[in-house]
C-alpha cells in the first residue's frame, strides 16, 4: 500500500501530465503549484497554495497560481468549490462523486464518500427532470465535532434566572 507521500507525489505527477496533455509547458512554477496542491491534502484556496509556493519561488504571482488552478479545473483534474459565505474558492482534487461537509464555524471541509451519492443524484435527476451535471457534488453545512464540543463546553447548564430588580432608592 502506498504511503501518503507516495500518493501525494503521484497526484502531483498526474496534475503535471494533465497540463502537458493540454499543451501547457511544464515550468518549475507550475510543477511547484501541482506539488503544493497535492501536498495540501485538503481543500486549499489560491492564497494557501500561493503562500506555500512563494517560499521557493518569491517572484511567483497569485495570478499564476490562480490561472494554473483554473486550467486544471477546466481539464477536469480538480473541482472549484464555491462555499456559501466564503469570500474565496476552495479547490478539491477529488473529482469523484462525494459530499463536501463544511463546518459553519471553523470552515473545515471534509470529504464524505458514500455509496449512495450516485443513486441520490440519479433520483434527483429522475424526480426533477433535470440532467444532473455533477461538478462540485453536494455541499452540506453544519458544525464539526470540535466546534460542537467547544460550543457545549461554553454553554452553561440551563438555569432559572430571576430578572434583576431595578434599584429605585
Foldseek 3Di string as FASTA:
>chain_A
DDDLLVQLVVQLVVLQVLCVVVVHDDDPLLSLLSSLVSVVPFFDFLVSSCVRSCVVVVPDDSVVSVVSLVVCLVSLQWAWDDDPPDPTITIGRPFDAWEWEAEPPPGGTDTGDDPCRVVVQVVVCVVVVDPDDDGPHHYHYHHDPVRVVVVVVPDDDDDDDDDDDDDPD
